[in-house]
Amino acid sequence: MKFGILVNEGPYQHQASDTAYQFCKAVLAKGWQVQRVFFYHDGVNNATKLTEPPQDDRNIVQRWSRLAEEHDIDLVVCVAAALRRGIREDNLAPGFRISGLGQLVESGIQADRLVVFGD
């Protein structure tokens, strides 16, 4: 089974990013595939390397980067939503890339399921 994931909320304002991350780990543990994770609206804030949570807190951005590296997952950030929030190529965390909504549409077509996290 191949999954596309859409994350619409930021890493620390809402549980959507944490839940999406845990869902991806569960999918991979089952031997299925995460085809792409698309970050949209405030979800683009999951992609900035400028995030510095306290040492005793989880680093969600780093978690996404590591998951992408370990499992060759495409992490795509919506260009329009990113630019509105000051996120550009030069401040993206490792493993993320900026692209357009066409990548979300493509994910919806290619995946068996597109799962949405956040409003």
PDB file of N, CA and C in Angstrom:
ATOM      1  N   MET A   1       0.855  -1.174   0.000  1.00  0.00           N
ATOM      2  CA  MET A   1       0.000   0.000   0.000  1.00  0.00           C
ATOM      3  C   MET A   1       0.895   1.230   0.000  1.00  0.00           C
ATOM      4  N   LYS A   2       0.531   2.221  -0.783  1.00  0.00           N
ATOM      5  CA  LYS A   2       1.301   3.454  -0.915  1.00  0.00           C
ATOM      6  C   LYS A   2       0.467   4.628  -0.393  1.00  0.00           C
ATOM      7  N   PHE A   3       1.061   5.404   0.531  1.00  0.00           N
ATOM      8  CA  PHE A   3       0.367   6.524   1.153  1.00  0.00           C
ATOM      9  C   PHE A   3       0.973   7.861   0.755  1.00  0.00           C
ATOM     10  N   GLY A   4       0.109   8.826   0.522  1.00  0.00           N
ATOM     11  CA  GLY A   4       0.485  10.232   0.432  1.00  0.00           C
ATOM     12  C   GLY A   4      -0.016  10.892   1.709  1.00  0.00           C
ATOM     13  N   ILE A   5       0.770  11.816   2.234  1.00  0.00           N
ATOM     14  CA  ILE A   5       0.435  12.460   3.507  1.00  0.00           C
ATOM     15  C   ILE A   5       0.382  13.966   3.282  1.00  0.00           C
ATOM     16  N   LEU A   6      -0.635  14.612   3.848  1.00  0.00           N
ATOM     17  CA  LEU A   6      -0.770  16.069   3.805  1.00  0.00           C
ATOM     18  C   LEU A   6      -0.784  16.582   5.237  1.00  0.00           C
ATOM     19  N   VAL A   7       0.159  17.481   5.553  1.00  0.00           N
ATOM     20  CA  VAL A   7       0.246  18.067   6.894  1.00  0.00           C
ATOM     21  C   VAL A   7      -0.068  19.558   6.781  1.00  0.00           C
ATOM     22  N   ASN A   8      -1.134  19.994   7.464  1.00  0.00           N
ATOM     23  CA  ASN A   8      -1.605  21.380   7.369  1.00  0.00           C
ATOM     24  C   ASN A   8      -1.304  22.242   8.591  1.00  0.00           C
ATOM     25  N   GLU A   9      -0.703  21.674   9.616  1.00  0.00           N
ATOM     26  CA  GLU A   9      -0.471  22.419  10.859  1.00  0.00           C
ATOM     27  C   GLU A   9       1.003  22.449  11.221  1.00  0.00           C
ATOM     28  N   GLY A  10       1.390  23.496  11.937  1.00  0.00           N
ATOM     29  CA  GLY A  10       2.772  23.668  12.366  1.00  0.00           C
ATOM     30  C   GLY A  10       3.192  22.642  13.404  1.00  0.00           C
ATOM     31  N   PRO A  11       4.494  22.578  13.679  1.00  0.00           N
ATOM     32  CA  PRO A  11       5.012  21.521  14.545  1.00  0.00           C
ATOM     33  C   PRO A  11       4.676  21.658  16.026  1.00  0.00           C
ATOM     34  N   TYR A  12       4.420  22.867  16.502  1.00  0.00           N
ATOM     35  CA  TYR A  12       4.223  23.027  17.947  1.00  0.00           C
ATOM     36  C   TYR A  12       2.885  23.674  18.314  1.00  0.00           C
ATOM     37  N   GLN A  13       2.064  24.039  17.344  1.00  0.00           N
ATOM     38  CA  GLN A  13       0.778  24.656  17.639  1.00  0.00           C
ATOM     39  C   GLN A  13      -0.354  23.644  17.687  1.00  0.00           C
ATOM     40  N   HIS A  14      -0.116  22.456  17.170  1.00  0.00           N
ATOM     41  CA  HIS A  14      -1.187  21.492  16.966  1.00  0.00           C
ATOM     42  C   HIS A  14      -0.567  20.096  16.978  1.00  0.00           C
ATOM     43  N   GLN A  15      -1.329  19.088  17.274  1.00  0.00           N
ATOM     44  CA  GLN A  15      -0.797  17.721  17.310  1.00  0.00           C
ATOM     45  C   GLN A  15      -0.700  17.074  15.930  1.00  0.00           C
ATOM     46  N   ALA A  16      -1.169  17.742  14.886  1.00  0.00           N
ATOM     47  CA  ALA A  16      -1.236  17.138  13.556  1.00  0.00           C
ATOM     48  C   ALA A  16       0.118  16.639  13.053  1.00  0.00           C
ATOM     49  N   SER A  17       1.168  17.422  13.249  1.00  0.00           N
ATOM     50  CA  SER A  17       2.480  17.011  12.753  1.00  0.00           C
ATOM     51  C   SER A  17       2.997  15.781  13.492  1.00  0.00           C
ATOM     52  N   ASP A  18       2.865  15.785  14.817  1.00  0.00           N
ATOM     53  CA  ASP A  18       3.272  14.614  15.606  1.00  0.00           C
ATOM     54  C   ASP A  18       2.501  13.370  15.164  1.00  0.00           C
ATOM     55  N   THR A  19       1.203  13.528  14.986  1.00  0.00           N
ATOM     56  CA  THR A  19       0.361  12.397  14.594  1.00  0.00           C
ATOM     57  C   THR A  19       0.730  11.900  13.197  1.00  0.00           C
ATOM     58  N   ALA A  20       0.979  12.825  12.278  1.00  0.00           N
ATOM     59  CA  ALA A  20       1.386  12.446  10.917  1.00  0.00           C
ATOM     60  C   ALA A  20       2.703  11.683  10.945  1.00  0.00           C
ATOM     61  N   TYR A  21       3.638  12.165  11.739  1.00  0.00           N
ATOM     62  CA  TYR A  21       4.941  11.503  11.868  1.00  0.00           C
ATOM     63  C   TYR A  21       4.776  10.079  12.413  1.00  0.00           C
ATOM     64  N   GLN A  22       3.992   9.930  13.473  1.00  0.00           N
ATOM     65  CA  GLN A  22       3.767   8.608  14.051  1.00  0.00           C
ATOM     66  C   GLN A  22       3.029   7.690  13.071  1.00  0.00           C
ATOM     67  N   PHE A  23       2.097   8.262  12.313  1.00  0.00           N
ATOM     68  CA  PHE A  23       1.383   7.490  11.300  1.00  0.00           C
ATOM     69  C   PHE A  23       2.370   6.977  10.246  1.00  0.00           C
ATOM     70  N   CYS A  24       3.272   7.846   9.794  1.00  0.00           N
ATOM     71  CA  CYS A  24       4.272   7.436   8.803  1.00  0.00           C
ATOM     72  C   CYS A  24       5.141   6.302   9.335  1.00  0.00           C
ATOM     73  N   LYS A  25       5.553   6.409  10.577  1.00  0.00           N
ATOM     74  CA  LYS A  25       6.368   5.343  11.178  1.00  0.00           C
ATOM     75  C   LYS A  25       5.596   4.021  11.217  1.00  0.00           C
ATOM     76  N   ALA A  26       4.309   4.082  11.541  1.00  0.00           N
ATOM     77  CA  ALA A  26       3.483   2.876  11.586  1.00  0.00           C
ATOM     78  C   ALA A  26       3.317   2.275  10.187  1.00  0.00           C
ATOM     79  N   VAL A  27       3.119   3.128   9.194  1.00  0.00           N
ATOM     80  CA  VAL A  27       3.001   2.670   7.802  1.00  0.00           C
ATOM     81  C   VAL A  27       4.269   1.931   7.387  1.00  0.00           C
ATOM     82  N   LEU A  28       5.413   2.536   7.673  1.00  0.00           N
ATOM     83  CA  LEU A  28       6.698   1.928   7.304  1.00  0.00           C
ATOM     84  C   LEU A  28       6.939   0.622   8.061  1.00  0.00           C
ATOM     85  N   ALA A  29       6.536   0.569   9.315  1.00  0.00           N
ATOM     86  CA  ALA A  29       6.699  -0.645  10.120  1.00  0.00           C
ATOM     87  C   ALA A  29       5.883  -1.807   9.554  1.00  0.00           C
ATOM     88  N   LYS A  30       4.773  -1.480   8.893  1.00  0.00           N
ATOM     89  CA  LYS A  30       3.928  -2.504   8.261  1.00  0.00           C
ATOM     90  C   LYS A  30       4.508  -2.969   6.925  1.00  0.00           C
ATOM     91  N   GLY A  31       5.582  -2.301   6.477  1.00  0.00           N
ATOM     92  CA  GLY A  31       6.172  -2.657   5.185  1.00  0.00           C
ATOM     93  C   GLY A  31       5.535  -1.937   4.014  1.00  0.00           C
ATOM     94  N   TRP A  32       4.695  -0.964   4.301  1.00  0.00           N
ATOM     95  CA  TRP A  32       4.074  -0.172   3.251  1.00  0.00           C
ATOM     96  C   TRP A  32       4.956   1.026   2.921  1.00  0.00           C
ATOM     97  N   GLN A  33       4.515   1.856   2.000  1.00  0.00           N
ATOM     98  CA  GLN A  33       5.335   2.964   1.512  1.00  0.00           C
ATOM     99  C   GLN A  33       4.679   4.316   1.778  1.00  0.00           C
ATOM    100  N   VAL A  34       5.492   5.286   2.188  1.00  0.00           N
ATOM    101  CA  VAL A  34       5.063   6.684   2.237  1.00  0.00           C
ATOM    102  C   VAL A  34       5.658   7.336   1.002  1.00  0.00           C
ATOM    103  N   GLN A  35       4.805   7.622   0.046  1.00  0.00           N
ATOM    104  CA  GLN A  35       5.245   8.127  -1.245  1.00  0.00           C
ATOM    105  C   GLN A  35       5.709   9.578  -1.163  1.00  0.00           C
ATOM    106  N   ARG A  36       4.998  10.370  -0.388  1.00  0.00           N
ATOM    107  CA  ARG A  36       5.335  11.794  -0.246  1.00  0.00           C
ATOM    108  C   ARG A  36       4.617  12.356   0.962  1.00  0.00           C
ATOM    109  N   VAL A  37       5.274  13.322   1.624  1.00  0.00           N
ATOM    110  CA  VAL A  37       4.623  14.112   2.671  1.00  0.00           C
ATOM    111  C   VAL A  37       4.623  15.545   2.151  1.00  0.00           C
ATOM    112  N   PHE A  38       3.432  16.115   2.019  1.00  0.00           N
ATOM    113  CA  PHE A  38       3.281  17.474   1.507  1.00  0.00           C
ATOM    114  C   PHE A  38       2.878  18.379   2.668  1.00  0.00           C
ATOM    115  N   PHE A  39       3.630  19.451   2.860  1.00  0.00           N
ATOM    116  CA  PHE A  39       3.379  20.399   3.945  1.00  0.00           C
ATOM    117  C   PHE A  39       2.739  21.651   3.356  1.00  0.00           C
ATOM    118  N   TYR A  40       1.569  21.998   3.890  1.00  0.00           N
ATOM    119  CA  TYR A  40       0.756  23.076   3.342  1.00  0.00           C
ATOM    120  C   TYR A  40       0.256  23.959   4.483  1.00  0.00           C
ATOM    121  N   HIS A  41      -0.212  25.144   4.178  1.00  0.00           N
ATOM    122  CA  HIS A  41      -0.670  26.114   5.177  1.00  0.00           C
ATOM    123  C   HIS A  41       0.404  26.270   6.258  1.00  0.00           C
ATOM    124  N   ASP A  42       0.036  26.265   7.541  1.00  0.00           N
ATOM    125  CA  ASP A  42       1.033  26.396   8.606  1.00  0.00           C
ATOM    126  C   ASP A  42       1.924  25.158   8.727  1.00  0.00           C
ATOM    127  N   GLY A  43       1.567  24.098   8.047  1.00  0.00           N
ATOM    128  CA  GLY A  43       2.396  22.894   8.047  1.00  0.00           C
ATOM    129  C   GLY A  43       3.785  23.130   7.483  1.00  0.00           C
ATOM    130  N   VAL A  44       3.947  24.177   6.684  1.00  0.00           N
ATOM    131  CA  VAL A  44       5.272  24.474   6.125  1.00  0.00           C
ATOM    132  C   VAL A  44       6.278  24.807   7.226  1.00  0.00           C
ATOM    133  N   ASN A  45       5.790  25.199   8.395  1.00  0.00           N
ATOM    134  CA  ASN A  45       6.695  25.510   9.507  1.00  0.00           C
ATOM    135  C   ASN A  45       7.423  24.265  10.026  1.00  0.00           C
ATOM    136  N   ASN A  46       7.011  23.097   9.604  1.00  0.00           N
ATOM    137  CA  ASN A  46       7.727  21.865   9.943  1.00  0.00           C
ATOM    138  C   ASN A  46       9.053  21.764   9.200  1.00  0.00           C
ATOM    139  N   ALA A  47       9.269  22.617   8.223  1.00  0.00           N
ATOM    140  CA  ALA A  47      10.423  22.480   7.332  1.00  0.00           C
ATOM    141  C   ALA A  47      11.562  23.458   7.612  1.00  0.00           C
ATOM    142  N   THR A  48      11.410  24.360   8.545  1.00  0.00           N
ATOM    143  CA  THR A  48      12.455  25.357   8.752  1.00  0.00           C
ATOM    144  C   THR A  48      13.550  24.864   9.692  1.00  0.00           C
ATOM    145  N   LYS A  49      14.787  25.045   9.273  1.00  0.00           N
ATOM    146  CA  LYS A  49      15.903  24.650  10.135  1.00  0.00           C
ATOM    147  C   LYS A  49      16.163  25.675  11.232  1.00  0.00           C
ATOM    148  N   LEU A  50      15.394  26.761  11.248  1.00  0.00           N
ATOM    149  CA  LEU A  50      15.561  27.798  12.260  1.00  0.00           C
ATOM    150  C   LEU A  50      14.844  27.464  13.569  1.00  0.00           C
ATOM    151  N   THR A  51      14.078  26.386  13.578  1.00  0.00           N
ATOM    152  CA  THR A  51      13.377  25.959  14.788  1.00  0.00           C
ATOM    153  C   THR A  51      14.378  25.410  15.800  1.00  0.00           C
ATOM    154  N   GLU A  52      14.302  25.897  17.039  1.00  0.00           N
ATOM    155  CA  GLU A  52      15.178  25.396  18.108  1.00  0.00           C
ATOM    156  C   GLU A  52      14.361  25.148  19.371  1.00  0.00           C
ATOM    157  N   PRO A  53      13.760  23.959  19.469  1.00  0.00           N
ATOM    158  CA  PRO A  53      12.990  23.648  20.678  1.00  0.00           C
ATOM    159  C   PRO A  53      13.924  23.458  21.873  1.00  0.00           C
ATOM    160  N   PRO A  54      13.412  23.581  23.091  1.00  0.00           N
ATOM    161  CA  PRO A  54      14.227  23.318  24.284  1.00  0.00           C
ATOM    162  C   PRO A  54      14.797  21.895  24.241  1.00  0.00           C
ATOM    163  N   GLN A  55      15.907  21.688  24.911  1.00  0.00           N
ATOM    164  CA  GLN A  55      16.578  20.380  24.901  1.00  0.00           C
ATOM    165  C   GLN A  55      15.687  19.240  25.376  1.00  0.00           C
ATOM    166  N   ASP A  56      14.782  19.524  26.298  1.00  0.00           N
ATOM    167  CA  ASP A  56      13.940  18.457  26.835  1.00  0.00           C
ATOM    168  C   ASP A  56      12.647  18.260  26.037  1.00  0.00           C
ATOM    169  N   ASP A  57      12.513  18.962  24.917  1.00  0.00           N
ATOM    170  CA  ASP A  57      11.326  18.833  24.069  1.00  0.00           C
ATOM    171  C   ASP A  57      11.707  18.069  22.801  1.00  0.00           C
ATOM    172  N   ARG A  58      10.707  17.520  22.129  1.00  0.00           N
ATOM    173  CA  ARG A  58      10.960  16.802  20.883  1.00  0.00           C
ATOM    174  C   ARG A  58      11.293  17.799  19.778  1.00  0.00           C
ATOM    175  N   ASN A  59      12.174  17.399  18.874  1.00  0.00           N
ATOM    176  CA  ASN A  59      12.527  18.241  17.731  1.00  0.00           C
ATOM    177  C   ASN A  59      11.826  17.651  16.504  1.00  0.00           C
ATOM    178  N   ILE A  60      10.646  18.147  16.226  1.00  0.00           N
ATOM    179  CA  ILE A  60       9.814  17.579  15.171  1.00  0.00           C
ATOM    180  C   ILE A  60      10.457  17.759  13.798  1.00  0.00           C
ATOM    181  N   VAL A  61      11.059  18.906  13.552  1.00  0.00           N
ATOM    182  CA  VAL A  61      11.711  19.153  12.262  1.00  0.00           C
ATOM    183  C   VAL A  61      12.803  18.116  12.034  1.00  0.00           C
ATOM    184  N   GLN A  62      13.604  17.890  13.038  1.00  0.00           N
ATOM    185  CA  GLN A  62      14.686  16.903  12.943  1.00  0.00           C
ATOM    186  C   GLN A  62      14.134  15.493  12.734  1.00  0.00           C
ATOM    187  N   ARG A  63      13.019  15.197  13.372  1.00  0.00           N
ATOM    188  CA  ARG A  63      12.386  13.878  13.186  1.00  0.00           C
ATOM    189  C   ARG A  63      12.010  13.662  11.721  1.00  0.00           C
ATOM    190  N   TRP A  64      11.378  14.671  11.117  1.00  0.00           N
ATOM    191  CA  TRP A  64      10.992  14.559   9.712  1.00  0.00           C
ATOM    192  C   TRP A  64      12.217  14.368   8.827  1.00  0.00           C
ATOM    193  N   SER A  65      13.259  15.161   9.080  1.00  0.00           N
ATOM    194  CA  SER A  65      14.485  15.054   8.270  1.00  0.00           C
ATOM    195  C   SER A  65      15.083  13.650   8.356  1.00  0.00           C
ATOM    196  N   ARG A  66      15.161  13.118   9.558  1.00  0.00           N
ATOM    197  CA  ARG A  66      15.739  11.793   9.760  1.00  0.00           C
ATOM    198  C   ARG A  66      14.879  10.713   9.091  1.00  0.00           C
ATOM    199  N   LEU A  67      13.550  10.821   9.214  1.00  0.00           N
ATOM    200  CA  LEU A  67      12.648   9.850   8.585  1.00  0.00           C
ATOM    201  C   LEU A  67      12.827   9.854   7.070  1.00  0.00           C
ATOM    202  N   ALA A  68      12.933  11.040   6.492  1.00  0.00           N
ATOM    203  CA  ALA A  68      13.118  11.154   5.041  1.00  0.00           C
ATOM    204  C   ALA A  68      14.425  10.518   4.605  1.00  0.00           C
ATOM    205  N   GLU A  69      15.472  10.754   5.372  1.00  0.00           N
ATOM    206  CA  GLU A  69      16.785  10.201   5.024  1.00  0.00           C
ATOM    207  C   GLU A  69      16.800   8.679   5.147  1.00  0.00           C
ATOM    208  N   GLU A  70      16.242   8.167   6.217  1.00  0.00           N
ATOM    209  CA  GLU A  70      16.270   6.728   6.468  1.00  0.00           C
ATOM    210  C   GLU A  70      15.388   5.925   5.526  1.00  0.00           C
ATOM    211  N   HIS A  71      14.292   6.547   5.036  1.00  0.00           N
ATOM    212  CA  HIS A  71      13.315   5.801   4.236  1.00  0.00           C
ATOM    213  C   HIS A  71      13.084   6.386   2.849  1.00  0.00           C
ATOM    214  N   ASP A  72      13.940   7.327   2.451  1.00  0.00           N
ATOM    215  CA  ASP A  72      13.851   7.945   1.122  1.00  0.00           C
ATOM    216  C   ASP A  72      12.437   8.486   0.844  1.00  0.00           C
ATOM    217  N   ILE A  73      11.959   9.303   1.768  1.00  0.00           N
ATOM    218  CA  ILE A  73      10.620   9.896   1.651  1.00  0.00           C
ATOM    219  C   ILE A  73      10.762  11.313   1.097  1.00  0.00           C
ATOM    220  N   ASP A  74       9.926  11.646   0.164  1.00  0.00           N
ATOM    221  CA  ASP A  74       9.902  12.966  -0.453  1.00  0.00           C
ATOM    222  C   ASP A  74       9.120  13.925   0.448  1.00  0.00           C
ATOM    223  N   LEU A  75       9.814  14.907   1.039  1.00  0.00           N
ATOM    224  CA  LEU A  75       9.179  15.922   1.886  1.00  0.00           C
ATOM    225  C   LEU A  75       9.057  17.207   1.078  1.00  0.00           C
ATOM    226  N   VAL A  76       7.838  17.569   0.712  1.00  0.00           N
ATOM    227  CA  VAL A  76       7.601  18.712  -0.170  1.00  0.00           C
ATOM    228  C   VAL A  76       6.872  19.815   0.587  1.00  0.00           C
ATOM    229  N   VAL A  77       7.361  21.028   0.425  1.00  0.00           N
ATOM    230  CA  VAL A  77       6.812  22.207   1.083  1.00  0.00           C
ATOM    231  C   VAL A  77       6.166  23.090   0.009  1.00  0.00           C
ATOM    232  N   CYS A  78       4.925  23.492   0.224  1.00  0.00           N
ATOM    233  CA  CYS A  78       4.219  24.357  -0.730  1.00  0.00           C
ATOM    234  C   CYS A  78       4.931  25.700  -0.833  1.00  0.00           C
ATOM    235  N   VAL A  79       5.300  26.086  -2.041  1.00  0.00           N
ATOM    236  CA  VAL A  79       6.072  27.307  -2.257  1.00  0.00           C
ATOM    237  C   VAL A  79       5.319  28.552  -1.815  1.00  0.00           C
ATOM    238  N   ALA A  80       4.060  28.679  -2.153  1.00  0.00           N
ATOM    239  CA  ALA A  80       3.300  29.887  -1.802  1.00  0.00           C
ATOM    240  C   ALA A  80       3.136  30.006  -0.288  1.00  0.00           C
ATOM    241  N   ALA A  81       2.765  28.920   0.366  1.00  0.00           N
ATOM    242  CA  ALA A  81       2.592  28.943   1.820  1.00  0.00           C
ATOM    243  C   ALA A  81       3.926  29.195   2.517  1.00  0.00           C
ATOM    244  N   ALA A  82       4.999  28.644   1.990  1.00  0.00           N
ATOM    245  CA  ALA A  82       6.322  28.825   2.585  1.00  0.00           C
ATOM    246  C   ALA A  82       6.772  30.279   2.489  1.00  0.00           C
ATOM    247  N   LEU A  83       6.660  30.856   1.318  1.00  0.00           N
ATOM    248  CA  LEU A  83       7.109  32.242   1.142  1.00  0.00           C
ATOM    249  C   LEU A  83       6.319  33.200   2.018  1.00  0.00           C
ATOM    250  N   ARG A  84       5.035  32.951   2.195  1.00  0.00           N
ATOM    251  CA  ARG A  84       4.221  33.791   3.082  1.00  0.00           C
ATOM    252  C   ARG A  84       4.728  33.770   4.520  1.00  0.00           C
ATOM    253  N   ARG A  85       5.391  32.681   4.884  1.00  0.00           N
ATOM    254  CA  ARG A  85       5.856  32.503   6.262  1.00  0.00           C
ATOM    255  C   ARG A  85       7.374  32.657   6.398  1.00  0.00           C
ATOM    256  N   GLY A  86       8.011  33.179   5.351  1.00  0.00           N
ATOM    257  CA  GLY A  86       9.446  33.451   5.409  1.00  0.00           C
ATOM    258  C   GLY A  86      10.332  32.232   5.253  1.00  0.00           C
ATOM    259  N   ILE A  87       9.780  31.175   4.720  1.00  0.00           N
ATOM    260  CA  ILE A  87      10.567  29.958   4.513  1.00  0.00           C
ATOM    261  C   ILE A  87      11.011  29.916   3.058  1.00  0.00           C
ATOM    262  N   ARG A  88      12.336  29.803   2.888  1.00  0.00           N
ATOM    263  CA  ARG A  88      12.937  29.769   1.547  1.00  0.00           C
ATOM    264  C   ARG A  88      13.915  28.606   1.481  1.00  0.00           C
ATOM    265  N   GLU A  89      14.473  28.394   0.301  1.00  0.00           N
ATOM    266  CA  GLU A  89      15.438  27.308   0.110  1.00  0.00           C
ATOM    267  C   GLU A  89      16.592  27.381   1.092  1.00  0.00           C
ATOM    268  N   ASP A  90      17.038  28.588   1.422  1.00  0.00           N
ATOM    269  CA  ASP A  90      18.225  28.728   2.266  1.00  0.00           C
ATOM    270  C   ASP A  90      17.974  28.477   3.747  1.00  0.00           C
ATOM    271  N   ASN A  91      16.716  28.369   4.164  1.00  0.00           N
ATOM    272  CA  ASN A  91      16.470  28.034   5.569  1.00  0.00           C
ATOM    273  C   ASN A  91      15.635  26.757   5.740  1.00  0.00           C
ATOM    274  N   LEU A  92      15.652  25.909   4.712  1.00  0.00           N
ATOM    275  CA  LEU A  92      14.981  24.611   4.799  1.00  0.00           C
ATOM    276  C   LEU A  92      15.850  23.622   5.561  1.00  0.00           C
ATOM    277  N   ALA A  93      15.215  22.799   6.347  1.00  0.00           N
ATOM    278  CA  ALA A  93      15.912  21.708   7.033  1.00  0.00           C
ATOM    279  C   ALA A  93      16.293  20.639   6.006  1.00  0.00           C
ATOM    280  N   PRO A  94      17.289  19.823   6.317  1.00  0.00           N
ATOM    281  CA  PRO A  94      17.683  18.754   5.394  1.00  0.00           C
ATOM    282  C   PRO A  94      16.521  17.823   5.070  1.00  0.00           C
ATOM    283  N   GLY A  95      16.458  17.407   3.814  1.00  0.00           N
ATOM    284  CA  GLY A  95      15.438  16.458   3.377  1.00  0.00           C
ATOM    285  C   GLY A  95      14.181  17.093   2.817  1.00  0.00           C
ATOM    286  N   PHE A  96      13.973  18.387   3.058  1.00  0.00           N
ATOM    287  CA  PHE A  96      12.799  19.096   2.550  1.00  0.00           C
ATOM    288  C   PHE A  96      13.131  19.769   1.225  1.00  0.00           C
ATOM    289  N   ARG A  97      12.115  19.942   0.383  1.00  0.00           N
ATOM    290  CA  ARG A  97      12.274  20.716  -0.844  1.00  0.00           C
ATOM    291  C   ARG A  97      11.014  21.533  -1.074  1.00  0.00           C
ATOM    292  N   ILE A  98      11.163  22.628  -1.779  1.00  0.00           N
ATOM    293  CA  ILE A  98      10.028  23.506  -2.078  1.00  0.00           C
ATOM    294  C   ILE A  98       9.514  23.195  -3.475  1.00  0.00           C
ATOM    295  N   SER A  99       8.205  23.120  -3.598  1.00  0.00           N
ATOM    296  CA  SER A  99       7.576  22.895  -4.900  1.00  0.00           C
ATOM    297  C   SER A  99       6.143  23.407  -4.839  1.00  0.00           C
ATOM    298  N   GLY A 100       5.394  23.169  -5.897  1.00  0.00           N
ATOM    299  CA  GLY A 100       4.036  23.685  -5.985  1.00  0.00           C
ATOM    300  C   GLY A 100       2.971  22.654  -5.664  1.00  0.00           C
ATOM    301  N   LEU A 101       1.727  23.093  -5.760  1.00  0.00           N
ATOM    302  CA  LEU A 101       0.584  22.234  -5.458  1.00  0.00           C
ATOM    303  C   LEU A 101       0.460  21.041  -6.405  1.00  0.00           C
ATOM    304  N   GLY A 102       1.108  21.124  -7.553  1.00  0.00           N
ATOM    305  CA  GLY A 102       1.089  19.992  -8.481  1.00  0.00           C
ATOM    306  C   GLY A 102       1.627  18.721  -7.829  1.00  0.00           C
ATOM    307  N   GLN A 103       2.572  18.885  -6.896  1.00  0.00           N
ATOM    308  CA  GLN A 103       3.127  17.730  -6.194  1.00  0.00           C
ATOM    309  C   GLN A 103       2.082  17.076  -5.283  1.00  0.00           C
ATOM    310  N   LEU A 104       1.201  17.899  -4.720  1.00  0.00           N
ATOM    311  CA  LEU A 104       0.116  17.355  -3.900  1.00  0.00           C
ATOM    312  C   LEU A 104      -0.876  16.601  -4.784  1.00  0.00           C
ATOM    313  N   VAL A 105      -1.229  17.179  -5.907  1.00  0.00           N
ATOM    314  CA  VAL A 105      -2.150  16.527  -6.837  1.00  0.00           C
ATOM    315  C   VAL A 105      -1.556  15.203  -7.322  1.00  0.00           C
ATOM    316  N   GLU A 106      -0.286  15.240  -7.694  1.00  0.00           N
ATOM    317  CA  GLU A 106       0.387  14.021  -8.154  1.00  0.00           C
ATOM    318  C   GLU A 106       0.384  12.939  -7.072  1.00  0.00           C
ATOM    319  N   SER A 107       0.620  13.344  -5.835  1.00  0.00           N
ATOM    320  CA  SER A 107       0.607  12.396  -4.728  1.00  0.00           C
ATOM    321  C   SER A 107      -0.771  11.753  -4.572  1.00  0.00           C
ATOM    322  N   GLY A 108      -1.809  12.571  -4.701  1.00  0.00           N
ATOM    323  CA  GLY A 108      -3.173  12.053  -4.612  1.00  0.00           C
ATOM    324  C   GLY A 108      -3.493  11.061  -5.710  1.00  0.00           C
ATOM    325  N   ILE A 109      -2.895  11.254  -6.869  1.00  0.00           N
ATOM    326  CA  ILE A 109      -3.122  10.348  -8.002  1.00  0.00           C
ATOM    327  C   ILE A 109      -2.312   9.062  -7.852  1.00  0.00           C
ATOM    328  N   GLN A 110      -1.052   9.191  -7.449  1.00  0.00           N
ATOM    329  CA  GLN A 110      -0.151   8.039  -7.412  1.00  0.00           C
ATOM    330  C   GLN A 110      -0.324   7.155  -6.176  1.00  0.00           C
ATOM    331  N   ALA A 111      -0.740   7.743  -5.069  1.00  0.00           N
ATOM    332  CA  ALA A 111      -0.879   6.970  -3.835  1.00  0.00           C
ATOM    333  C   ALA A 111      -2.205   6.224  -3.812  1.00  0.00           C
ATOM    334  N   ASP A 112      -2.227   5.142  -3.040  1.00  0.00           N
ATOM    335  CA  ASP A 112      -3.483   4.426  -2.833  1.00  0.00           C
ATOM    336  C   ASP A 112      -4.403   5.198  -1.895  1.00  0.00           C
ATOM    337  N   ARG A 113      -3.793   5.923  -0.956  1.00  0.00           N
ATOM    338  CA  ARG A 113      -4.549   6.744  -0.003  1.00  0.00           C
ATOM    339  C   ARG A 113      -3.815   8.050   0.233  1.00  0.00           C
ATOM    340  N   LEU A 114      -4.550   9.133   0.318  1.00  0.00           N
ATOM    341  CA  LEU A 114      -4.006  10.421   0.717  1.00  0.00           C
ATOM    342  C   LEU A 114      -4.622  10.739   2.079  1.00  0.00           C
ATOM    343  N   VAL A 115      -3.790  10.830   3.108  1.00  0.00           N
ATOM    344  CA  VAL A 115      -4.258  11.031   4.466  1.00  0.00           C
ATOM    345  C   VAL A 115      -3.912  12.445   4.896  1.00  0.00           C
ATOM    346  N   VAL A 116      -4.909  13.164   5.418  1.00  0.00           N
ATOM    347  CA  VAL A 116      -4.760  14.573   5.778  1.00  0.00           C
ATOM    348  C   VAL A 116      -4.689  14.722   7.297  1.00  0.00           C
ATOM    349  N   PHE A 117      -3.700  15.507   7.753  1.00  0.00           N
ATOM    350  CA  PHE A 117      -3.541  15.793   9.173  1.00  0.00           C
ATOM    351  C   PHE A 117      -3.655  17.286   9.393  1.00  0.00           C
ATOM    352  N   GLY A 118      -4.609  17.707  10.200  1.00  0.00           N
ATOM    353  CA  GLY A 118      -4.851  19.124  10.472  1.00  0.00           C
ATOM    354  C   GLY A 118      -5.935  19.674   9.578  1.00  0.00           C
ATOM    355  N   ASP A 119      -6.438  20.838   9.973  1.00  0.00           N
ATOM    356  CA  ASP A 119      -7.544  21.477   9.229  1.00  0.00           C
ATOM    357  C   ASP A 119      -7.102  22.009   7.892  1.00  0.00           C
TER     358      ASP A 119
END
